[in-house]
Amino acid sequence: MDRHTQPVNSFLRLPQVLQLIPVSRSGWWAGVKDGRYPTPVKLSARVTVWRMSDVQAYIDSVSK
């Protein structure tokens, strides 16, 4: 997925996030828990997403 084709205010599911930030699922969740990665948004009991703008801000902050 190309991050430049996604609208900034869209939501990403975990597989989409992991295409942009290459870490393991368990590594991602550990980073979310300790505050290293963006906070998720719960859309329902079984649906967790991340704001594209939050993911993009994280990518920008680590690529400097």
PDB file of N, CA and C in Angstrom:
ATOM      1  N   MET A   1       0.838  -1.173   0.000  1.00  0.00           N
ATOM      2  CA  MET A   1       0.000   0.000   0.000  1.00  0.00           C
ATOM      3  C   MET A   1       0.888   1.242   0.000  1.00  0.00           C
ATOM      4  N   ASP A   2       0.559   2.165  -0.800  1.00  0.00           N
ATOM      5  CA  ASP A   2       1.294   3.418  -0.881  1.00  0.00           C
ATOM      6  C   ASP A   2       0.637   4.432   0.041  1.00  0.00           C
ATOM      7  N   ARG A   3       1.380   4.924   1.013  1.00  0.00           N
ATOM      8  CA  ARG A   3       0.790   5.842   1.984  1.00  0.00           C
ATOM      9  C   ARG A   3       0.362   7.157   1.345  1.00  0.00           C
ATOM     10  N   HIS A   4       0.852   7.458   0.158  1.00  0.00           N
ATOM     11  CA  HIS A   4       0.491   8.702  -0.509  1.00  0.00           C
ATOM     12  C   HIS A   4      -0.860   8.611  -1.213  1.00  0.00           C
ATOM     13  N   THR A   5      -1.413   7.412  -1.363  1.00  0.00           N
ATOM     14  CA  THR A   5      -2.709   7.265  -2.016  1.00  0.00           C
ATOM     15  C   THR A   5      -3.860   7.212  -1.025  1.00  0.00           C
ATOM     16  N   GLN A   6      -3.561   7.121   0.269  1.00  0.00           N
ATOM     17  CA  GLN A   6      -4.592   7.069   1.295  1.00  0.00           C
ATOM     18  C   GLN A   6      -4.961   8.475   1.754  1.00  0.00           C
ATOM     19  N   PRO A   7      -6.261   8.764   1.876  1.00  0.00           N
ATOM     20  CA  PRO A   7      -6.647  10.063   2.452  1.00  0.00           C
ATOM     21  C   PRO A   7      -6.115  10.160   3.881  1.00  0.00           C
ATOM     22  N   VAL A   8      -5.709  11.338   4.276  1.00  0.00           N
ATOM     23  CA  VAL A   8      -5.098  11.535   5.588  1.00  0.00           C
ATOM     24  C   VAL A   8      -6.072  11.184   6.709  1.00  0.00           C
ATOM     25  N   ASN A   9      -7.359  11.393   6.531  1.00  0.00           N
ATOM     26  CA  ASN A   9      -8.313  11.136   7.606  1.00  0.00           C
ATOM     27  C   ASN A   9      -8.938   9.745   7.512  1.00  0.00           C
ATOM     28  N   SER A  10      -8.296   8.815   6.823  1.00  0.00           N
ATOM     29  CA  SER A  10      -8.815   7.460   6.717  1.00  0.00           C
ATOM     30  C   SER A  10      -8.328   6.614   7.893  1.00  0.00           C
ATOM     31  N   PHE A  11      -8.910   5.431   8.006  1.00  0.00           N
ATOM     32  CA  PHE A  11      -8.513   4.482   9.038  1.00  0.00           C
ATOM     33  C   PHE A  11      -7.761   3.324   8.408  1.00  0.00           C
ATOM     34  N   LEU A  12      -6.829   2.760   9.158  1.00  0.00           N
ATOM     35  CA  LEU A  12      -6.049   1.611   8.710  1.00  0.00           C
ATOM     36  C   LEU A  12      -6.244   0.457   9.677  1.00  0.00           C
ATOM     37  N   ARG A  13      -6.423  -0.744   9.134  1.00  0.00           N
ATOM     38  CA  ARG A  13      -6.441  -1.951   9.961  1.00  0.00           C
ATOM     39  C   ARG A  13      -4.994  -2.376  10.181  1.00  0.00           C
ATOM     40  N   LEU A  14      -4.775  -3.283  11.133  1.00  0.00           N
ATOM     41  CA  LEU A  14      -3.418  -3.679  11.499  1.00  0.00           C
ATOM     42  C   LEU A  14      -2.586  -4.187  10.318  1.00  0.00           C
ATOM     43  N   PRO A  15      -3.099  -5.045   9.441  1.00  0.00           N
ATOM     44  CA  PRO A  15      -2.253  -5.481   8.310  1.00  0.00           C
ATOM     45  C   PRO A  15      -1.779  -4.314   7.442  1.00  0.00           C
ATOM     46  N   GLN A  16      -2.610  -3.295   7.276  1.00  0.00           N
ATOM     47  CA  GLN A  16      -2.219  -2.117   6.495  1.00  0.00           C
ATOM     48  C   GLN A  16      -1.138  -1.331   7.218  1.00  0.00           C
ATOM     49  N   VAL A  17      -1.272  -1.198   8.531  1.00  0.00           N
ATOM     50  CA  VAL A  17      -0.260  -0.483   9.319  1.00  0.00           C
ATOM     51  C   VAL A  17       1.081  -1.201   9.220  1.00  0.00           C
ATOM     52  N   LEU A  18       1.046  -2.527   9.322  1.00  0.00           N
ATOM     53  CA  LEU A  18       2.290  -3.297   9.297  1.00  0.00           C
ATOM     54  C   LEU A  18       2.962  -3.286   7.931  1.00  0.00           C
ATOM     55  N   GLN A  19       2.230  -2.944   6.869  1.00  0.00           N
ATOM     56  CA  GLN A  19       2.860  -2.749   5.561  1.00  0.00           C
ATOM     57  C   GLN A  19       3.672  -1.452   5.552  1.00  0.00           C
ATOM     58  N   LEU A  20       3.235  -0.472   6.319  1.00  0.00           N
ATOM     59  CA  LEU A  20       3.925   0.823   6.364  1.00  0.00           C
ATOM     60  C   LEU A  20       5.044   0.850   7.401  1.00  0.00           C
ATOM     61  N   ILE A  21       4.829   0.125   8.504  1.00  0.00           N
ATOM     62  CA  ILE A  21       5.810   0.073   9.589  1.00  0.00           C
ATOM     63  C   ILE A  21       6.175  -1.394   9.788  1.00  0.00           C
ATOM     64  N   PRO A  22       7.298  -1.817   9.264  1.00  0.00           N
ATOM     65  CA  PRO A  22       7.633  -3.245   9.248  1.00  0.00           C
ATOM     66  C   PRO A  22       8.106  -3.788  10.599  1.00  0.00           C
ATOM     67  N   VAL A  23       7.148  -4.122  11.437  1.00  0.00           N
ATOM     68  CA  VAL A  23       7.426  -4.798  12.706  1.00  0.00           C
ATOM     69  C   VAL A  23       6.466  -5.978  12.797  1.00  0.00           C
ATOM     70  N   SER A  24       6.726  -6.878  13.728  1.00  0.00           N
ATOM     71  CA  SER A  24       5.824  -8.016  13.920  1.00  0.00           C
ATOM     72  C   SER A  24       4.544  -7.557  14.611  1.00  0.00           C
ATOM     73  N   ARG A  25       3.508  -8.387  14.536  1.00  0.00           N
ATOM     74  CA  ARG A  25       2.242  -8.063  15.217  1.00  0.00           C
ATOM     75  C   ARG A  25       2.468  -7.886  16.724  1.00  0.00           C
ATOM     76  N   SER A  26       3.205  -8.825  17.315  1.00  0.00           N
ATOM     77  CA  SER A  26       3.437  -8.746  18.757  1.00  0.00           C
ATOM     78  C   SER A  26       4.308  -7.538  19.109  1.00  0.00           C
ATOM     79  N   GLY A  27       5.269  -7.226  18.245  1.00  0.00           N
ATOM     80  CA  GLY A  27       6.092  -6.034  18.458  1.00  0.00           C
ATOM     81  C   GLY A  27       5.275  -4.756  18.366  1.00  0.00           C
ATOM     82  N   TRP A  28       4.319  -4.748  17.425  1.00  0.00           N
ATOM     83  CA  TRP A  28       3.443  -3.583  17.285  1.00  0.00           C
ATOM     84  C   TRP A  28       2.609  -3.384  18.547  1.00  0.00           C
ATOM     85  N   TRP A  29       1.965  -4.474  18.999  1.00  0.00           N
ATOM     86  CA  TRP A  29       1.102  -4.347  20.180  1.00  0.00           C
ATOM     87  C   TRP A  29       1.910  -3.985  21.434  1.00  0.00           C
ATOM     88  N   ALA A  30       3.127  -4.480  21.558  1.00  0.00           N
ATOM     89  CA  ALA A  30       3.980  -4.088  22.685  1.00  0.00           C
ATOM     90  C   ALA A  30       4.299  -2.602  22.605  1.00  0.00           C
ATOM     91  N   GLY A  31       4.553  -2.101  21.398  1.00  0.00           N
ATOM     92  CA  GLY A  31       4.829  -0.681  21.215  1.00  0.00           C
ATOM     93  C   GLY A  31       3.622   0.194  21.473  1.00  0.00           C
ATOM     94  N   VAL A  32       2.436  -0.294  21.119  1.00  0.00           N
ATOM     95  CA  VAL A  32       1.202   0.445  21.422  1.00  0.00           C
ATOM     96  C   VAL A  32       1.028   0.516  22.936  1.00  0.00           C
ATOM     97  N   LYS A  33       1.260  -0.606  23.611  1.00  0.00           N
ATOM     98  CA  LYS A  33       1.083  -0.669  25.067  1.00  0.00           C
ATOM     99  C   LYS A  33       2.026   0.285  25.789  1.00  0.00           C
ATOM    100  N   ASP A  34       3.278   0.381  25.339  1.00  0.00           N
ATOM    101  CA  ASP A  34       4.228   1.259  26.039  1.00  0.00           C
ATOM    102  C   ASP A  34       4.263   2.686  25.483  1.00  0.00           C
ATOM    103  N   GLY A  35       3.386   2.995  24.514  1.00  0.00           N
ATOM    104  CA  GLY A  35       3.275   4.369  24.033  1.00  0.00           C
ATOM    105  C   GLY A  35       4.207   4.742  22.891  1.00  0.00           C
ATOM    106  N   ARG A  36       4.950   3.786  22.373  1.00  0.00           N
ATOM    107  CA  ARG A  36       5.878   4.061  21.277  1.00  0.00           C
ATOM    108  C   ARG A  36       5.152   4.265  19.949  1.00  0.00           C
ATOM    109  N   TYR A  37       4.051   3.513  19.736  1.00  0.00           N
ATOM    110  CA  TYR A  37       3.269   3.588  18.509  1.00  0.00           C
ATOM    111  C   TYR A  37       1.933   4.269  18.765  1.00  0.00           C
ATOM    112  N   PRO A  38       1.255   4.730  17.714  1.00  0.00           N
ATOM    113  CA  PRO A  38      -0.008   5.450  17.883  1.00  0.00           C
ATOM    114  C   PRO A  38      -1.091   4.630  18.590  1.00  0.00           C
ATOM    115  N   THR A  39      -1.960   5.325  19.273  1.00  0.00           N
ATOM    116  CA  THR A  39      -3.073   4.722  19.995  1.00  0.00           C
ATOM    117  C   THR A  39      -4.153   4.268  19.011  1.00  0.00           C
ATOM    118  N   PRO A  40      -4.673   3.070  19.186  1.00  0.00           N
ATOM    119  CA  PRO A  40      -5.723   2.596  18.292  1.00  0.00           C
ATOM    120  C   PRO A  40      -7.086   3.201  18.622  1.00  0.00           C
ATOM    121  N   VAL A  41      -8.007   3.047  17.672  1.00  0.00           N
ATOM    122  CA  VAL A  41      -9.395   3.469  17.838  1.00  0.00           C
ATOM    123  C   VAL A  41     -10.244   2.214  17.723  1.00  0.00           C
ATOM    124  N   LYS A  42     -11.115   1.966  18.702  1.00  0.00           N
ATOM    125  CA  LYS A  42     -12.019   0.814  18.647  1.00  0.00           C
ATOM    126  C   LYS A  42     -13.302   1.244  17.953  1.00  0.00           C
ATOM    127  N   LEU A  43     -13.587   0.671  16.783  1.00  0.00           N
ATOM    128  CA  LEU A  43     -14.831   0.957  16.075  1.00  0.00           C
ATOM    129  C   LEU A  43     -15.958   0.061  16.570  1.00  0.00           C
ATOM    130  N   SER A  44     -15.605  -1.131  17.023  1.00  0.00           N
ATOM    131  CA  SER A  44     -16.568  -2.057  17.616  1.00  0.00           C
ATOM    132  C   SER A  44     -15.771  -3.034  18.476  1.00  0.00           C
ATOM    133  N   ALA A  45     -16.461  -3.992  19.048  1.00  0.00           N
ATOM    134  CA  ALA A  45     -15.785  -4.953  19.930  1.00  0.00           C
ATOM    135  C   ALA A  45     -14.683  -5.731  19.210  1.00  0.00           C
ATOM    136  N   ARG A  46     -14.855  -5.951  17.903  1.00  0.00           N
ATOM    137  CA  ARG A  46     -13.883  -6.754  17.161  1.00  0.00           C
ATOM    138  C   ARG A  46     -13.123  -5.986  16.089  1.00  0.00           C
ATOM    139  N   VAL A  47     -13.299  -4.676  16.033  1.00  0.00           N
ATOM    140  CA  VAL A  47     -12.647  -3.886  14.985  1.00  0.00           C
ATOM    141  C   VAL A  47     -11.804  -2.789  15.619  1.00  0.00           C
ATOM    142  N   THR A  48     -10.491  -2.889  15.414  1.00  0.00           N
ATOM    143  CA  THR A  48      -9.542  -1.897  15.897  1.00  0.00           C
ATOM    144  C   THR A  48      -8.844  -1.292  14.689  1.00  0.00           C
ATOM    145  N   VAL A  49      -8.733   0.019  14.664  1.00  0.00           N
ATOM    146  CA  VAL A  49      -8.097   0.736  13.553  1.00  0.00           C
ATOM    147  C   VAL A  49      -7.170   1.807  14.100  1.00  0.00           C
ATOM    148  N   TRP A  50      -6.366   2.358  13.195  1.00  0.00           N
ATOM    149  CA  TRP A  50      -5.512   3.494  13.511  1.00  0.00           C
ATOM    150  C   TRP A  50      -5.793   4.594  12.512  1.00  0.00           C
ATOM    151  N   ARG A  51      -5.737   5.831  12.962  1.00  0.00           N
ATOM    152  CA  ARG A  51      -5.917   6.973  12.055  1.00  0.00           C
ATOM    153  C   ARG A  51      -4.677   7.079  11.169  1.00  0.00           C
ATOM    154  N   MET A  52      -4.895   7.244   9.869  1.00  0.00           N
ATOM    155  CA  MET A  52      -3.788   7.406   8.934  1.00  0.00           C
ATOM    156  C   MET A  52      -2.924   8.591   9.331  1.00  0.00           C
ATOM    157  N   SER A  53      -3.550   9.656   9.805  1.00  0.00           N
ATOM    158  CA  SER A  53      -2.789  10.844  10.201  1.00  0.00           C
ATOM    159  C   SER A  53      -1.849  10.534  11.366  1.00  0.00           C
ATOM    160  N   ASP A  54      -2.279   9.685  12.324  1.00  0.00           N
ATOM    161  CA  ASP A  54      -1.415   9.307  13.451  1.00  0.00           C
ATOM    162  C   ASP A  54      -0.255   8.441  12.984  1.00  0.00           C
ATOM    163  N   VAL A  55      -0.540   7.506  12.091  1.00  0.00           N
ATOM    164  CA  VAL A  55       0.510   6.629  11.562  1.00  0.00           C
ATOM    165  C   VAL A  55       1.512   7.452  10.755  1.00  0.00           C
ATOM    166  N   GLN A  56       1.010   8.371   9.937  1.00  0.00           N
ATOM    167  CA  GLN A  56       1.888   9.219   9.132  1.00  0.00           C
ATOM    168  C   GLN A  56       2.761  10.111  10.022  1.00  0.00           C
ATOM    169  N   ALA A  57       2.171  10.642  11.089  1.00  0.00           N
ATOM    170  CA  ALA A  57       2.947  11.475  12.019  1.00  0.00           C
ATOM    171  C   ALA A  57       4.058  10.649  12.675  1.00  0.00           C
ATOM    172  N   TYR A  58       3.761   9.403  13.025  1.00  0.00           N
ATOM    173  CA  TYR A  58       4.788   8.536  13.607  1.00  0.00           C
ATOM    174  C   TYR A  58       5.909   8.292  12.585  1.00  0.00           C
ATOM    175  N   ILE A  59       5.548   7.952  11.358  1.00  0.00           N
ATOM    176  CA  ILE A  59       6.551   7.707  10.315  1.00  0.00           C
ATOM    177  C   ILE A  59       7.412   8.944  10.107  1.00  0.00           C
ATOM    178  N   ASP A  60       6.788  10.099  10.055  1.00  0.00           N
ATOM    179  CA  ASP A  60       7.546  11.355   9.876  1.00  0.00           C
ATOM    180  C   ASP A  60       8.487  11.605  11.049  1.00  0.00           C
ATOM    181  N   SER A  61       8.049  11.273  12.271  1.00  0.00           N
ATOM    182  CA  SER A  61       8.874  11.545  13.447  1.00  0.00           C
ATOM    183  C   SER A  61      10.106  10.638  13.511  1.00  0.00           C
ATOM    184  N   VAL A  62      10.009   9.420  13.013  1.00  0.00           N
ATOM    185  CA  VAL A  62      11.163   8.518  13.063  1.00  0.00           C
ATOM    186  C   VAL A  62      12.045   8.602  11.837  1.00  0.00           C
ATOM    187  N   SER A  63      11.566   9.254  10.792  1.00  0.00           N
ATOM    188  CA  SER A  63      12.373   9.345   9.573  1.00  0.00           C
ATOM    189  C   SER A  63      13.222  10.604   9.519  1.00  0.00           C
ATOM    190  N   LYS A  64      13.236  11.375  10.577  1.00  0.00           N
ATOM    191  CA  LYS A  64      14.054  12.599  10.616  1.00  0.00           C
ATOM    192  C   LYS A  64      15.445  12.310  11.080  1.00  0.00           C
TER     193      LYS A  64
END
